Amino acid sequence: MQYIYWLLADRRFLLLLFIINLAGTVYGYVWYGSQLSRTEWLFIPFVPDSPTASLFFTIVLAGFLLKKSWGLFQVLALITLFKYGVWAVVMNVLTWVWTGYLPWEAYMLILSHLGMAVQGLLYAPFYRVKLWHLAVAAVWTLHNEIIDYVFMQYPVYSHLHLYVEEIAYFTFWLSILSIFLAWFLTLRKRRLKWEL
C-alpha cells in the first residue's frame, strides 16, 4: 500500500495526471459545446458536470505541484469525480441495455469516467478538508441536482430524456452517497500522515 502512496505522491506522476486531467477537461467542455451554446448564461456553470469535476481535480493537482493544499477544491473534486464518474458509467451501461448498442465513444466515456471516480478516491488520504469545505461542496452538489432536474439542464445524451424522473431519483441518492463518502474519507476516517 505504501508503494501506491509513494507513486501517487511522485511529482512526475502528479504532472502526468495534471496534463491528462487538463486535456480531459478541455475535451469535456468542447463535448458540451452544442448544449452550452443554447444554455442560458446563469445555468452554464452547472451544465458541464464531468469537465467541471475534472477541472476541480486539475486545480487540486496544481496545488499539490505547488506544495499547496486547497481543501475546498479537494472535497469538490472528491465528491464530483466519484458522482459523475459513477453516473456516466451507469448511464452508458443503461444506454446499452435500452438500445442493445454502444458506439466506440461510449466505451471511451466509460473508461475515462471510471478513471475519474478512482483517482478521486485514491487521493482522498492526501486531502486536508475542513467541515465548512464539505458543507459548501454539499450545497454545490445538491444545488446542481436542482439545476439539472428541476430546471431541466441535465446532460443531453442518448435516451436519457425518456427516463428523466428515474435518473433524477438515482442521481439524488448518488449525490448523497458521494457526500457521505467524502465525509467518511476526509473528516471521519483517520487521515494519512502523508504530505505531497
N, C-alpha and C. Protein backbone atom coordinates (compact mmCIF):
# COMPACT_ATOMS: atom_id res chain seq x y z
N MET A 1 0.83 -1.21 0.00
CA MET A 1 0.00 0.00 0.00
C MET A 1 0.87 1.26 0.00
N GLN A 2 1.98 1.21 0.76
CA GLN A 2 2.86 2.37 0.81
C GLN A 2 3.42 2.69 -0.58
N TYR A 3 3.66 1.66 -1.39
CA TYR A 3 4.17 1.89 -2.74
C TYR A 3 3.17 2.71 -3.56
N ILE A 4 1.89 2.40 -3.40
CA ILE A 4 0.86 3.15 -4.13
C ILE A 4 0.89 4.62 -3.73
N TYR A 5 0.99 4.88 -2.42
CA TYR A 5 1.03 6.27 -1.96
C TYR A 5 2.31 6.96 -2.43
N TRP A 6 3.41 6.22 -2.48
CA TRP A 6 4.65 6.79 -2.99
C TRP A 6 4.48 7.20 -4.45
N LEU A 7 3.86 6.31 -5.25
CA LEU A 7 3.62 6.62 -6.66
C LEU A 7 2.71 7.82 -6.82
N LEU A 8 1.62 7.86 -6.04
CA LEU A 8 0.67 8.97 -6.13
C LEU A 8 1.31 10.30 -5.77
N ALA A 9 2.30 10.26 -4.87
CA ALA A 9 2.96 11.48 -4.43
C ALA A 9 4.13 11.89 -5.30
N ASP A 10 4.56 11.03 -6.21
CA ASP A 10 5.68 11.33 -7.08
C ASP A 10 5.33 12.51 -7.99
N ARG A 11 6.21 13.51 -8.03
CA ARG A 11 5.91 14.73 -8.79
C ARG A 11 5.76 14.47 -10.27
N ARG A 12 6.50 13.51 -10.81
CA ARG A 12 6.36 13.19 -12.24
C ARG A 12 4.98 12.60 -12.51
N PHE A 13 4.50 11.74 -11.59
CA PHE A 13 3.17 11.16 -11.75
C PHE A 13 2.10 12.24 -11.60
N LEU A 14 2.30 13.14 -10.64
CA LEU A 14 1.35 14.25 -10.45
C LEU A 14 1.28 15.12 -11.71
N LEU A 15 2.44 15.39 -12.30
CA LEU A 15 2.46 16.20 -13.51
C LEU A 15 1.76 15.50 -14.66
N LEU A 16 1.99 14.19 -14.79
CA LEU A 16 1.31 13.41 -15.83
C LEU A 16 -0.20 13.45 -15.64
N LEU A 17 -0.66 13.24 -14.40
CA LEU A 17 -2.09 13.30 -14.11
C LEU A 17 -2.65 14.69 -14.38
N PHE A 18 -1.88 15.71 -14.03
CA PHE A 18 -2.31 17.08 -14.29
C PHE A 18 -2.55 17.30 -15.78
N ILE A 19 -1.61 16.86 -16.62
CA ILE A 19 -1.74 17.02 -18.07
C ILE A 19 -2.94 16.24 -18.60
N ILE A 20 -3.11 15.00 -18.13
CA ILE A 20 -4.24 14.16 -18.58
C ILE A 20 -5.57 14.80 -18.20
N ASN A 21 -5.66 15.26 -16.95
CA ASN A 21 -6.91 15.86 -16.49
C ASN A 21 -7.19 17.19 -17.15
N LEU A 22 -6.15 17.98 -17.40
CA LEU A 22 -6.35 19.25 -18.09
C LEU A 22 -6.86 19.00 -19.51
N ALA A 23 -6.25 18.04 -20.21
CA ALA A 23 -6.70 17.70 -21.56
C ALA A 23 -8.12 17.16 -21.54
N GLY A 24 -8.43 16.30 -20.57
CA GLY A 24 -9.79 15.77 -20.45
C GLY A 24 -10.81 16.84 -20.15
N THR A 25 -10.41 17.81 -19.35
CA THR A 25 -11.30 18.93 -19.02
C THR A 25 -11.62 19.74 -20.26
N VAL A 26 -10.59 20.08 -21.02
CA VAL A 26 -10.80 20.85 -22.25
C VAL A 26 -11.68 20.06 -23.21
N TYR A 27 -11.37 18.77 -23.39
CA TYR A 27 -12.18 17.94 -24.28
C TYR A 27 -13.64 17.90 -23.80
N GLY A 28 -13.83 17.78 -22.50
CA GLY A 28 -15.19 17.72 -21.95
C GLY A 28 -15.99 18.98 -22.21
N TYR A 29 -15.35 20.15 -22.05
CA TYR A 29 -16.06 21.40 -22.33
C TYR A 29 -16.39 21.51 -23.82
N VAL A 30 -15.48 21.04 -24.67
CA VAL A 30 -15.77 21.04 -26.11
C VAL A 30 -16.93 20.11 -26.41
N TRP A 31 -16.95 18.94 -25.76
CA TRP A 31 -18.02 17.95 -25.96
C TRP A 31 -19.39 18.55 -25.61
N TYR A 32 -19.42 19.40 -24.58
CA TYR A 32 -20.67 20.05 -24.16
C TYR A 32 -21.00 21.29 -25.00
N GLY A 33 -20.15 21.62 -25.96
CA GLY A 33 -20.28 22.87 -26.70
C GLY A 33 -21.66 23.14 -27.26
N SER A 34 -22.26 22.15 -27.93
CA SER A 34 -23.57 22.40 -28.55
C SER A 34 -24.65 22.65 -27.51
N GLN A 35 -24.59 21.92 -26.39
CA GLN A 35 -25.58 22.16 -25.34
C GLN A 35 -25.35 23.51 -24.67
N LEU A 36 -24.09 23.87 -24.45
CA LEU A 36 -23.79 25.15 -23.82
C LEU A 36 -24.20 26.32 -24.70
N SER A 37 -24.14 26.13 -26.02
CA SER A 37 -24.47 27.22 -26.95
C SER A 37 -25.95 27.61 -26.86
N ARG A 38 -26.80 26.71 -26.37
CA ARG A 38 -28.22 27.04 -26.23
C ARG A 38 -28.67 27.06 -24.76
N THR A 39 -27.70 27.19 -23.86
CA THR A 39 -27.98 27.23 -22.42
C THR A 39 -27.96 28.67 -21.94
N GLU A 40 -28.93 29.05 -21.11
CA GLU A 40 -28.94 30.39 -20.53
C GLU A 40 -27.68 30.58 -19.70
N TRP A 41 -27.15 31.77 -19.70
CA TRP A 41 -25.85 32.05 -19.08
C TRP A 41 -25.80 31.65 -17.60
N LEU A 42 -26.92 31.83 -16.86
CA LEU A 42 -26.87 31.54 -15.44
C LEU A 42 -26.78 30.05 -15.12
N PHE A 43 -27.10 29.19 -16.10
CA PHE A 43 -27.01 27.75 -15.89
C PHE A 43 -25.68 27.17 -16.35
N ILE A 44 -24.91 27.94 -17.10
CA ILE A 44 -23.70 27.41 -17.73
C ILE A 44 -22.73 26.76 -16.74
N PRO A 45 -22.48 27.33 -15.55
CA PRO A 45 -21.53 26.68 -14.64
C PRO A 45 -21.98 25.29 -14.17
N PHE A 46 -23.28 24.98 -14.30
CA PHE A 46 -23.81 23.73 -13.76
C PHE A 46 -24.13 22.68 -14.82
N VAL A 47 -23.94 23.02 -16.09
CA VAL A 47 -24.28 22.07 -17.15
C VAL A 47 -23.17 21.07 -17.44
N PRO A 48 -21.92 21.50 -17.65
CA PRO A 48 -20.87 20.53 -17.99
C PRO A 48 -20.31 19.85 -16.74
N ASP A 49 -21.06 18.89 -16.22
CA ASP A 49 -20.75 18.29 -14.92
C ASP A 49 -19.38 17.61 -14.87
N SER A 50 -19.13 16.69 -15.76
CA SER A 50 -17.88 15.93 -15.72
C SER A 50 -16.65 16.81 -15.96
N PRO A 51 -16.65 17.70 -16.97
CA PRO A 51 -15.48 18.56 -17.14
C PRO A 51 -15.22 19.45 -15.93
N THR A 52 -16.28 19.90 -15.27
CA THR A 52 -16.09 20.73 -14.09
C THR A 52 -15.49 19.90 -12.96
N ALA A 53 -15.91 18.63 -12.84
CA ALA A 53 -15.31 17.74 -11.84
C ALA A 53 -13.82 17.56 -12.11
N SER A 54 -13.46 17.32 -13.36
CA SER A 54 -12.04 17.14 -13.67
C SER A 54 -11.28 18.47 -13.54
N LEU A 55 -11.97 19.60 -13.76
CA LEU A 55 -11.34 20.90 -13.53
C LEU A 55 -11.00 21.06 -12.04
N PHE A 56 -11.93 20.70 -11.17
CA PHE A 56 -11.65 20.76 -9.72
C PHE A 56 -10.40 19.94 -9.39
N PHE A 57 -10.32 18.73 -9.96
CA PHE A 57 -9.18 17.86 -9.66
C PHE A 57 -7.89 18.40 -10.29
N THR A 58 -7.99 19.02 -11.45
CA THR A 58 -6.82 19.64 -12.06
C THR A 58 -6.28 20.75 -11.16
N ILE A 59 -7.18 21.51 -10.55
CA ILE A 59 -6.77 22.56 -9.60
C ILE A 59 -6.11 21.92 -8.38
N VAL A 60 -6.67 20.82 -7.89
CA VAL A 60 -6.08 20.10 -6.76
C VAL A 60 -4.66 19.65 -7.10
N LEU A 61 -4.49 19.08 -8.29
CA LEU A 61 -3.17 18.60 -8.72
C LEU A 61 -2.19 19.77 -8.85
N ALA A 62 -2.66 20.90 -9.38
CA ALA A 62 -1.81 22.09 -9.46
C ALA A 62 -1.38 22.50 -8.06
N GLY A 63 -2.30 22.44 -7.11
CA GLY A 63 -1.96 22.75 -5.73
C GLY A 63 -0.88 21.81 -5.18
N PHE A 64 -1.04 20.53 -5.43
CA PHE A 64 -0.03 19.57 -4.96
C PHE A 64 1.34 19.87 -5.58
N LEU A 65 1.35 20.20 -6.86
CA LEU A 65 2.62 20.51 -7.53
C LEU A 65 3.26 21.78 -6.97
N LEU A 66 2.42 22.69 -6.47
CA LEU A 66 2.90 23.93 -5.86
C LEU A 66 3.08 23.80 -4.35
N LYS A 67 2.91 22.58 -3.82
CA LYS A 67 3.01 22.32 -2.37
C LYS A 67 1.95 23.08 -1.59
N LYS A 68 0.75 23.16 -2.18
CA LYS A 68 -0.39 23.81 -1.54
C LYS A 68 -1.50 22.78 -1.33
N SER A 69 -2.31 23.02 -0.32
CA SER A 69 -3.44 22.14 -0.05
C SER A 69 -4.71 22.98 0.01
N TRP A 70 -5.53 22.86 -1.02
CA TRP A 70 -6.75 23.64 -1.12
C TRP A 70 -7.95 22.74 -0.83
N GLY A 71 -8.34 22.71 0.44
CA GLY A 71 -9.35 21.78 0.92
C GLY A 71 -10.69 21.86 0.21
N LEU A 72 -11.13 23.08 -0.11
CA LEU A 72 -12.43 23.21 -0.77
C LEU A 72 -12.41 22.53 -2.14
N PHE A 73 -11.37 22.78 -2.92
CA PHE A 73 -11.27 22.13 -4.23
C PHE A 73 -11.06 20.62 -4.09
N GLN A 74 -10.37 20.21 -3.03
CA GLN A 74 -10.15 18.78 -2.81
C GLN A 74 -11.47 18.05 -2.57
N VAL A 75 -12.32 18.60 -1.73
CA VAL A 75 -13.58 17.91 -1.45
C VAL A 75 -14.56 18.05 -2.61
N LEU A 76 -14.53 19.19 -3.32
CA LEU A 76 -15.35 19.32 -4.53
C LEU A 76 -14.92 18.27 -5.56
N ALA A 77 -13.60 18.10 -5.71
CA ALA A 77 -13.11 17.09 -6.65
C ALA A 77 -13.52 15.69 -6.23
N LEU A 78 -13.35 15.37 -4.96
CA LEU A 78 -13.69 14.04 -4.47
C LEU A 78 -15.16 13.71 -4.73
N ILE A 79 -16.05 14.61 -4.33
CA ILE A 79 -17.48 14.37 -4.48
C ILE A 79 -17.87 14.29 -5.96
N THR A 80 -17.44 15.27 -6.75
CA THR A 80 -17.91 15.31 -8.14
C THR A 80 -17.25 14.26 -9.03
N LEU A 81 -15.97 13.96 -8.78
CA LEU A 81 -15.33 12.90 -9.57
C LEU A 81 -16.01 11.56 -9.34
N PHE A 82 -16.29 11.26 -8.07
CA PHE A 82 -16.95 9.98 -7.77
C PHE A 82 -18.37 9.98 -8.34
N LYS A 83 -19.10 11.05 -8.07
CA LYS A 83 -20.50 11.12 -8.50
C LYS A 83 -20.64 11.01 -10.02
N TYR A 84 -19.96 11.89 -10.75
CA TYR A 84 -20.13 11.89 -12.20
C TYR A 84 -19.38 10.76 -12.88
N GLY A 85 -18.33 10.27 -12.22
CA GLY A 85 -17.67 9.08 -12.75
C GLY A 85 -18.61 7.89 -12.74
N VAL A 86 -19.22 7.63 -11.58
CA VAL A 86 -20.16 6.52 -11.46
C VAL A 86 -21.39 6.77 -12.32
N TRP A 87 -21.90 8.00 -12.30
CA TRP A 87 -23.10 8.33 -13.06
C TRP A 87 -22.92 8.02 -14.54
N ALA A 88 -21.82 8.46 -15.12
CA ALA A 88 -21.60 8.25 -16.55
C ALA A 88 -21.46 6.77 -16.90
N VAL A 89 -20.79 6.02 -16.04
CA VAL A 89 -20.67 4.58 -16.28
C VAL A 89 -22.05 3.94 -16.27
N VAL A 90 -22.86 4.26 -15.26
CA VAL A 90 -24.21 3.67 -15.15
C VAL A 90 -25.08 4.09 -16.34
N MET A 91 -25.02 5.35 -16.73
CA MET A 91 -25.85 5.82 -17.85
C MET A 91 -25.46 5.15 -19.16
N ASN A 92 -24.17 4.92 -19.37
CA ASN A 92 -23.74 4.24 -20.60
C ASN A 92 -24.13 2.78 -20.59
N VAL A 93 -24.05 2.14 -19.43
CA VAL A 93 -24.50 0.74 -19.35
C VAL A 93 -26.00 0.67 -19.60
N LEU A 94 -26.76 1.60 -19.03
CA LEU A 94 -28.21 1.62 -19.26
C LEU A 94 -28.53 1.91 -20.73
N THR A 95 -27.74 2.76 -21.36
CA THR A 95 -27.93 3.02 -22.79
C THR A 95 -27.76 1.73 -23.58
N TRP A 96 -26.76 0.95 -23.23
CA TRP A 96 -26.54 -0.34 -23.89
C TRP A 96 -27.73 -1.28 -23.65
N VAL A 97 -28.26 -1.28 -22.41
CA VAL A 97 -29.43 -2.12 -22.09
C VAL A 97 -30.64 -1.68 -22.90
N TRP A 98 -30.86 -0.35 -23.00
CA TRP A 98 -32.03 0.18 -23.71
C TRP A 98 -31.94 -0.02 -25.22
N THR A 99 -30.73 0.15 -25.76
CA THR A 99 -30.61 0.15 -27.22
C THR A 99 -29.95 -1.11 -27.77
N GLY A 100 -29.25 -1.84 -26.92
CA GLY A 100 -28.51 -3.02 -27.38
C GLY A 100 -27.24 -2.68 -28.13
N TYR A 101 -26.83 -1.40 -28.06
CA TYR A 101 -25.67 -0.97 -28.84
C TYR A 101 -25.00 0.21 -28.15
N LEU A 102 -23.67 0.24 -28.21
CA LEU A 102 -22.91 1.40 -27.75
C LEU A 102 -21.88 1.76 -28.82
N PRO A 103 -21.81 3.04 -29.19
CA PRO A 103 -20.74 3.45 -30.12
C PRO A 103 -19.39 3.42 -29.41
N TRP A 104 -18.32 3.47 -30.17
CA TRP A 104 -16.99 3.38 -29.56
C TRP A 104 -16.73 4.52 -28.57
N GLU A 105 -17.34 5.69 -28.81
CA GLU A 105 -17.16 6.82 -27.90
C GLU A 105 -17.68 6.50 -26.50
N ALA A 106 -18.74 5.69 -26.44
CA ALA A 106 -19.32 5.33 -25.15
C ALA A 106 -18.35 4.51 -24.32
N TYR A 107 -17.60 3.61 -24.97
CA TYR A 107 -16.60 2.82 -24.24
C TYR A 107 -15.48 3.72 -23.73
N MET A 108 -15.11 4.71 -24.51
CA MET A 108 -14.12 5.68 -24.07
C MET A 108 -14.65 6.47 -22.87
N LEU A 109 -15.92 6.84 -22.92
CA LEU A 109 -16.53 7.57 -21.80
C LEU A 109 -16.59 6.70 -20.55
N ILE A 110 -16.90 5.42 -20.71
CA ILE A 110 -16.95 4.53 -19.55
C ILE A 110 -15.57 4.44 -18.89
N LEU A 111 -14.53 4.21 -19.68
CA LEU A 111 -13.18 4.07 -19.13
C LEU A 111 -12.70 5.38 -18.49
N SER A 112 -12.92 6.50 -19.18
CA SER A 112 -12.44 7.77 -18.65
C SER A 112 -13.18 8.17 -17.37
N HIS A 113 -14.48 7.90 -17.33
CA HIS A 113 -15.25 8.27 -16.13
C HIS A 113 -14.99 7.31 -14.97
N LEU A 114 -14.72 6.08 -15.28
CA LEU A 114 -14.31 5.14 -14.22
C LEU A 114 -12.98 5.62 -13.63
N GLY A 115 -12.08 6.06 -14.50
CA GLY A 115 -10.81 6.62 -14.03
C GLY A 115 -11.01 7.85 -13.17
N MET A 116 -11.98 8.68 -13.53
CA MET A 116 -12.29 9.86 -12.71
C MET A 116 -12.67 9.46 -11.30
N ALA A 117 -13.58 8.51 -11.18
CA ALA A 117 -14.05 8.08 -9.86
C ALA A 117 -12.91 7.51 -9.03
N VAL A 118 -12.09 6.69 -9.66
CA VAL A 118 -11.00 6.02 -8.94
C VAL A 118 -9.95 7.03 -8.48
N GLN A 119 -9.55 7.96 -9.35
CA GLN A 119 -8.49 8.88 -8.95
C GLN A 119 -8.93 9.78 -7.80
N GLY A 120 -10.20 10.18 -7.81
CA GLY A 120 -10.70 10.99 -6.70
C GLY A 120 -10.59 10.27 -5.38
N LEU A 121 -10.90 8.97 -5.38
CA LEU A 121 -10.83 8.17 -4.15
C LEU A 121 -9.39 7.92 -3.74
N LEU A 122 -8.52 7.64 -4.71
CA LEU A 122 -7.13 7.32 -4.39
C LEU A 122 -6.41 8.46 -3.68
N TYR A 123 -6.74 9.68 -4.06
CA TYR A 123 -6.05 10.83 -3.46
C TYR A 123 -6.70 11.32 -2.16
N ALA A 124 -7.81 10.73 -1.77
CA ALA A 124 -8.51 11.18 -0.55
C ALA A 124 -7.60 11.23 0.69
N PRO A 125 -6.70 10.27 0.90
CA PRO A 125 -5.86 10.35 2.10
C PRO A 125 -4.93 11.57 2.14
N PHE A 126 -4.73 12.21 1.02
CA PHE A 126 -3.85 13.39 0.96
C PHE A 126 -4.60 14.69 1.21
N TYR A 127 -5.94 14.64 1.20
CA TYR A 127 -6.72 15.86 1.28
C TYR A 127 -6.75 16.39 2.71
N ARG A 128 -6.81 17.69 2.83
CA ARG A 128 -6.91 18.37 4.13
C ARG A 128 -8.19 19.20 4.11
N VAL A 129 -9.28 18.54 4.47
CA VAL A 129 -10.62 19.12 4.33
C VAL A 129 -11.16 19.52 5.70
N LYS A 130 -11.80 20.68 5.75
CA LYS A 130 -12.48 21.14 6.95
C LYS A 130 -13.99 20.97 6.76
N LEU A 131 -14.71 21.02 7.86
CA LEU A 131 -16.16 20.82 7.80
C LEU A 131 -16.83 21.84 6.89
N TRP A 132 -16.39 23.10 6.93
CA TRP A 132 -17.02 24.11 6.08
C TRP A 132 -16.77 23.83 4.60
N HIS A 133 -15.61 23.25 4.27
CA HIS A 133 -15.36 22.85 2.89
C HIS A 133 -16.41 21.84 2.43
N LEU A 134 -16.63 20.84 3.28
CA LEU A 134 -17.60 19.80 2.96
C LEU A 134 -19.00 20.39 2.82
N ALA A 135 -19.35 21.31 3.71
CA ALA A 135 -20.69 21.92 3.67
C ALA A 135 -20.89 22.68 2.36
N VAL A 136 -19.90 23.47 1.94
CA VAL A 136 -20.01 24.21 0.68
C VAL A 136 -20.11 23.25 -0.50
N ALA A 137 -19.28 22.20 -0.49
CA ALA A 137 -19.30 21.22 -1.58
C ALA A 137 -20.64 20.48 -1.64
N ALA A 138 -21.21 20.19 -0.48
CA ALA A 138 -22.51 19.51 -0.44
C ALA A 138 -23.60 20.41 -1.03
N VAL A 139 -23.57 21.69 -0.68
CA VAL A 139 -24.56 22.64 -1.23
C VAL A 139 -24.38 22.73 -2.75
N TRP A 140 -23.14 22.84 -3.22
CA TRP A 140 -22.88 22.89 -4.67
C TRP A 140 -23.47 21.67 -5.36
N THR A 141 -23.20 20.50 -4.78
CA THR A 141 -23.62 19.24 -5.40
C THR A 141 -25.14 19.12 -5.45
N LEU A 142 -25.81 19.41 -4.35
CA LEU A 142 -27.27 19.28 -4.32
C LEU A 142 -27.94 20.39 -5.13
N HIS A 143 -27.32 21.57 -5.14
CA HIS A 143 -27.83 22.65 -5.98
C HIS A 143 -27.77 22.25 -7.45
N ASN A 144 -26.72 21.54 -7.80
CA ASN A 144 -26.57 21.07 -9.18
C ASN A 144 -27.71 20.12 -9.57
N GLU A 145 -28.20 19.33 -8.61
CA GLU A 145 -29.34 18.45 -8.89
C GLU A 145 -30.58 19.26 -9.25
N ILE A 146 -30.77 20.36 -8.53
CA ILE A 146 -31.91 21.23 -8.80
C ILE A 146 -31.80 21.81 -10.21
N ILE A 147 -30.62 22.30 -10.56
CA ILE A 147 -30.42 22.87 -11.89
C ILE A 147 -30.68 21.81 -12.96
N ASP A 148 -30.16 20.60 -12.74
CA ASP A 148 -30.29 19.54 -13.75
C ASP A 148 -31.73 19.05 -13.91
N TYR A 149 -32.42 18.81 -12.78
CA TYR A 149 -33.69 18.07 -12.87
C TYR A 149 -34.93 18.87 -12.49
N VAL A 150 -34.76 20.09 -12.02
CA VAL A 150 -35.91 20.99 -11.86
C VAL A 150 -35.93 21.98 -13.03
N PHE A 151 -34.76 22.53 -13.34
CA PHE A 151 -34.65 23.45 -14.48
C PHE A 151 -34.30 22.73 -15.78
N MET A 152 -34.20 21.39 -15.69
CA MET A 152 -34.02 20.51 -16.86
C MET A 152 -32.78 20.85 -17.68
N GLN A 153 -31.66 20.98 -16.99
CA GLN A 153 -30.38 21.27 -17.65
C GLN A 153 -29.46 20.06 -17.63
N TYR A 154 -30.02 18.88 -17.44
CA TYR A 154 -29.23 17.64 -17.39
C TYR A 154 -28.53 17.41 -18.72
N PRO A 155 -27.47 16.58 -18.72
CA PRO A 155 -26.72 16.35 -19.96
C PRO A 155 -27.59 15.73 -21.05
N VAL A 156 -27.47 16.26 -22.25
CA VAL A 156 -28.18 15.71 -23.40
C VAL A 156 -27.35 14.54 -23.92
N TYR A 157 -27.90 13.33 -23.77
CA TYR A 157 -27.13 12.14 -24.16
C TYR A 157 -28.08 10.97 -24.41
N SER A 158 -27.96 10.38 -25.54
CA SER A 158 -28.67 9.14 -25.89
C SER A 158 -30.16 9.23 -25.54
N HIS A 159 -30.64 8.24 -24.76
CA HIS A 159 -32.07 8.14 -24.44
C HIS A 159 -32.42 8.64 -23.04
N LEU A 160 -31.53 9.43 -22.45
CA LEU A 160 -31.74 9.86 -21.06
C LEU A 160 -33.05 10.62 -20.89
N HIS A 161 -33.45 11.39 -21.91
CA HIS A 161 -34.67 12.21 -21.79
C HIS A 161 -35.93 11.35 -21.59
N LEU A 162 -35.86 10.07 -21.92
CA LEU A 162 -37.03 9.20 -21.75
C LEU A 162 -37.22 8.73 -20.31
N TYR A 163 -36.19 8.90 -19.49
CA TYR A 163 -36.22 8.36 -18.13
C TYR A 163 -35.77 9.42 -17.12
N VAL A 164 -36.15 10.65 -17.35
CA VAL A 164 -35.64 11.76 -16.53
C VAL A 164 -35.98 11.59 -15.05
N GLU A 165 -37.21 11.21 -14.73
CA GLU A 165 -37.60 11.10 -13.33
C GLU A 165 -36.80 10.02 -12.61
N GLU A 166 -36.64 8.87 -13.25
CA GLU A 166 -35.89 7.78 -12.63
C GLU A 166 -34.41 8.15 -12.48
N ILE A 167 -33.86 8.81 -13.50
CA ILE A 167 -32.46 9.22 -13.44
C ILE A 167 -32.26 10.30 -12.37
N ALA A 168 -33.20 11.21 -12.25
CA ALA A 168 -33.13 12.25 -11.22
C ALA A 168 -33.11 11.62 -9.83
N TYR A 169 -33.96 10.63 -9.61
CA TYR A 169 -34.01 9.96 -8.31
C TYR A 169 -32.69 9.26 -8.02
N PHE A 170 -32.18 8.52 -9.00
CA PHE A 170 -30.90 7.84 -8.84
C PHE A 170 -29.78 8.84 -8.57
N THR A 171 -29.77 9.96 -9.31
CA THR A 171 -28.70 10.94 -9.19
C THR A 171 -28.72 11.61 -7.82
N PHE A 172 -29.92 11.89 -7.31
CA PHE A 172 -30.02 12.48 -5.97
C PHE A 172 -29.35 11.58 -4.94
N TRP A 173 -29.67 10.29 -4.96
CA TRP A 173 -29.09 9.38 -3.96
C TRP A 173 -27.61 9.13 -4.21
N LEU A 174 -27.19 9.21 -5.45
CA LEU A 174 -25.76 9.12 -5.74
C LEU A 174 -25.03 10.34 -5.16
N SER A 175 -25.66 11.50 -5.21
CA SER A 175 -25.09 12.69 -4.59
C SER A 175 -24.95 12.52 -3.09
N ILE A 176 -25.99 11.99 -2.45
CA ILE A 176 -25.94 11.76 -1.01
C ILE A 176 -24.81 10.79 -0.67
N LEU A 177 -24.71 9.71 -1.43
CA LEU A 177 -23.62 8.74 -1.21
C LEU A 177 -22.26 9.40 -1.39
N SER A 178 -22.11 10.22 -2.40
CA SER A 178 -20.83 10.89 -2.67
C SER A 178 -20.45 11.84 -1.54
N ILE A 179 -21.42 12.58 -1.03
CA ILE A 179 -21.17 13.49 0.09
C ILE A 179 -20.79 12.70 1.34
N PHE A 180 -21.51 11.62 1.61
CA PHE A 180 -21.19 10.77 2.76
C PHE A 180 -19.79 10.19 2.63
N LEU A 181 -19.46 9.71 1.45
CA LEU A 181 -18.14 9.13 1.20
C LEU A 181 -17.04 10.17 1.44
N ALA A 182 -17.27 11.39 0.98
CA ALA A 182 -16.30 12.46 1.21
C ALA A 182 -16.12 12.74 2.70
N TRP A 183 -17.23 12.78 3.42
CA TRP A 183 -17.15 12.97 4.88
C TRP A 183 -16.36 11.83 5.52
N PHE A 184 -16.68 10.61 5.15
CA PHE A 184 -16.03 9.44 5.75
C PHE A 184 -14.53 9.43 5.46
N LEU A 185 -14.16 9.75 4.24
CA LEU A 185 -12.75 9.64 3.84
C LEU A 185 -11.90 10.83 4.26
N THR A 186 -12.52 11.97 4.53
CA THR A 186 -11.71 13.15 4.84
C THR A 186 -11.88 13.68 6.26
N LEU A 187 -13.03 13.50 6.85
CA LEU A 187 -13.27 14.07 8.18
C LEU A 187 -13.42 13.00 9.27
N ARG A 188 -14.09 11.90 8.95
CA ARG A 188 -14.30 10.88 9.97
C ARG A 188 -13.11 9.94 10.08
N LYS A 189 -12.68 9.44 8.93
CA LYS A 189 -11.61 8.45 8.94
C LYS A 189 -10.28 9.12 9.24
N ARG A 190 -9.44 8.42 9.96
CA ARG A 190 -8.11 8.95 10.26
C ARG A 190 -7.32 9.15 8.96
N ARG A 191 -6.80 10.33 8.78
CA ARG A 191 -6.08 10.64 7.56
C ARG A 191 -4.63 10.18 7.65
N LEU A 192 -4.04 9.95 6.51
CA LEU A 192 -2.62 9.59 6.47
C LEU A 192 -1.76 10.76 6.92
N LYS A 193 -0.68 10.44 7.54
CA LYS A 193 0.34 11.46 7.82
C LYS A 193 1.27 11.52 6.61
N TRP A 194 0.67 11.78 5.48
CA TRP A 194 1.40 11.74 4.21
C TRP A 194 1.23 13.07 3.54
N GLU A 195 2.31 13.68 3.23
CA GLU A 195 2.25 15.01 2.62
C GLU A 195 2.72 14.93 1.18
N LEU A 196 2.15 15.77 0.34
CA LEU A 196 2.60 15.87 -1.06
C LEU A 196 3.52 17.07 -1.20
